[in-house]
Amino acid sequence: MTTRPGIGELGRDTASGRIGVVMGEIGGRVQIRPMRGGIEWDAMPDKVVPLSAREELSARLAVKNNNSRVGL
């Protein structure tokens, strides 16, 4: 059994394929915010899984690369 990522950790919503930061849980749904910021989306708890080390590194690198392209 895979454990769900905790608050502040990266997770994947397997229903949508999106990756983001777990912000909390309200009304039986997990709130996830995109890594680059923005509006949170709701995901069903059983559809939120932690990233592998490789997936997390890739996701964080993509954000860094984007930030360097736009001068942040």
C-alpha atoms as a PDB file:
ATOM      1  CA  MET A   1       0.000   0.000   0.000  1.00  0.00           C
ATOM      2  CA  THR A   2       1.352   3.407  -1.001  1.00  0.00           C
ATOM      3  CA  THR A   3       1.065   6.249   1.464  1.00  0.00           C
ATOM      4  CA  ARG A   4      -0.267   9.591   0.366  1.00  0.00           C
ATOM      5  CA  PRO A   5       2.193  12.513   0.391  1.00  0.00           C
ATOM      6  CA  GLY A   6       1.929  14.852   3.375  1.00  0.00           C
ATOM      7  CA  ILE A   7       1.270  18.568   3.430  1.00  0.00           C
ATOM      8  CA  GLY A   8       4.056  20.437   1.651  1.00  0.00           C
ATOM      9  CA  GLU A   9       5.203  17.375  -0.291  1.00  0.00           C
ATOM     10  CA  LEU A  10       4.882  16.801  -4.011  1.00  0.00           C
ATOM     11  CA  GLY A  11       2.237  14.438  -5.255  1.00  0.00           C
ATOM     12  CA  ARG A  12       0.647  13.290  -8.478  1.00  0.00           C
ATOM     13  CA  ASP A  13      -3.086  13.327  -9.066  1.00  0.00           C
ATOM     14  CA  THR A  14      -3.372  10.093 -11.037  1.00  0.00           C
ATOM     15  CA  ALA A  15      -6.846  11.037 -12.292  1.00  0.00           C
ATOM     16  CA  SER A  16      -5.498  14.089 -14.140  1.00  0.00           C
ATOM     17  CA  GLY A  17      -1.784  13.283 -14.321  1.00  0.00           C
ATOM     18  CA  ARG A  18      -0.946  16.650 -12.775  1.00  0.00           C
ATOM     19  CA  ILE A  19       1.850  17.142 -10.245  1.00  0.00           C
ATOM     20  CA  GLY A  20       1.706  19.667  -7.432  1.00  0.00           C
ATOM     21  CA  VAL A  21       2.246  20.465  -3.772  1.00  0.00           C
ATOM     22  CA  VAL A  22      -0.221  18.941  -1.320  1.00  0.00           C
ATOM     23  CA  MET A  23      -1.755  21.851   0.605  1.00  0.00           C
ATOM     24  CA  GLY A  24      -4.294  20.085   2.810  1.00  0.00           C
ATOM     25  CA  GLU A  25      -7.536  18.190   2.888  1.00  0.00           C
ATOM     26  CA  ILE A  26     -11.050  19.634   3.076  1.00  0.00           C
ATOM     27  CA  GLY A  27     -14.339  17.832   2.737  1.00  0.00           C
ATOM     28  CA  GLY A  28     -12.732  14.503   1.955  1.00  0.00           C
ATOM     29  CA  ARG A  29     -10.700  15.893  -0.941  1.00  0.00           C
ATOM     30  CA  VAL A  30      -7.010  16.727  -1.165  1.00  0.00           C
ATOM     31  CA  GLN A  31      -6.083  20.241  -2.278  1.00  0.00           C
ATOM     32  CA  ILE A  32      -3.062  20.379  -4.556  1.00  0.00           C
ATOM     33  CA  ARG A  33      -1.373  23.540  -5.836  1.00  0.00           C
ATOM     34  CA  PRO A  34       0.673  23.640  -9.051  1.00  0.00           C
ATOM     35  CA  MET A  35       4.428  23.785  -8.416  1.00  0.00           C
ATOM     36  CA  ARG A  36       4.675  27.131 -10.194  1.00  0.00           C
ATOM     37  CA  GLY A  37       1.879  28.550  -8.054  1.00  0.00           C
ATOM     38  CA  GLY A  38      -1.690  29.230  -8.965  1.00  0.00           C
ATOM     39  CA  ILE A  39      -5.098  27.961  -8.048  1.00  0.00           C
ATOM     40  CA  GLU A  40      -5.397  24.720  -6.132  1.00  0.00           C
ATOM     41  CA  TRP A  41      -7.407  21.831  -7.482  1.00  0.00           C
ATOM     42  CA  ASP A  42      -9.243  19.090  -5.641  1.00  0.00           C
ATOM     43  CA  ALA A  43      -8.295  15.442  -5.952  1.00  0.00           C
ATOM     44  CA  MET A  44      -9.748  12.286  -4.503  1.00  0.00           C
ATOM     45  CA  PRO A  45      -7.458  10.994  -1.718  1.00  0.00           C
ATOM     46  CA  ASP A  46      -7.078   7.548  -3.287  1.00  0.00           C
ATOM     47  CA  LYS A  47      -5.844   9.182  -6.522  1.00  0.00           C
ATOM     48  CA  VAL A  48      -2.970  11.159  -4.928  1.00  0.00           C
ATOM     49  CA  VAL A  49       0.362   9.326  -4.865  1.00  0.00           C
ATOM     50  CA  PRO A  50       3.919  10.356  -3.974  1.00  0.00           C
ATOM     51  CA  LEU A  51       6.474  10.894  -6.702  1.00  0.00           C
ATOM     52  CA  SER A  52       9.465   8.662  -7.182  1.00  0.00           C
ATOM     53  CA  ALA A  53      12.834  10.316  -6.570  1.00  0.00           C
ATOM     54  CA  ARG A  54      13.361  10.535 -10.333  1.00  0.00           C
ATOM     55  CA  GLU A  55       9.929  12.102 -10.943  1.00  0.00           C
ATOM     56  CA  GLU A  56      10.475  14.659  -8.180  1.00  0.00           C
ATOM     57  CA  LEU A  57      13.903  15.639  -9.491  1.00  0.00           C
ATOM     58  CA  SER A  58      12.518  15.997 -13.012  1.00  0.00           C
ATOM     59  CA  ALA A  59       9.569  18.124 -11.849  1.00  0.00           C
ATOM     60  CA  ARG A  60      11.761  20.424  -9.743  1.00  0.00           C
ATOM     61  CA  LEU A  61      14.291  20.782 -12.568  1.00  0.00           C
ATOM     62  CA  ALA A  62      11.532  21.732 -15.016  1.00  0.00           C
ATOM     63  CA  VAL A  63      10.439  24.560 -12.692  1.00  0.00           C
ATOM     64  CA  LYS A  64      14.047  25.776 -12.272  1.00  0.00           C
ATOM     65  CA  ASN A  65      14.624  25.708 -16.041  1.00  0.00           C
ATOM     66  CA  ASN A  66      11.436  27.659 -16.666  1.00  0.00           C
ATOM     67  CA  ASN A  67      12.381  30.222 -14.019  1.00  0.00           C
ATOM     68  CA  SER A  68      15.801  30.737 -15.590  1.00  0.00           C
ATOM     69  CA  ARG A  69      14.218  31.252 -19.018  1.00  0.00           C
ATOM     70  CA  VAL A  70      11.955  34.002 -17.697  1.00  0.00           C
ATOM     71  CA  GLY A  71      14.697  35.594 -15.573  1.00  0.00           C
ATOM     72  CA  LEU A  72      13.616  34.598 -12.065  1.00  0.00           C
END
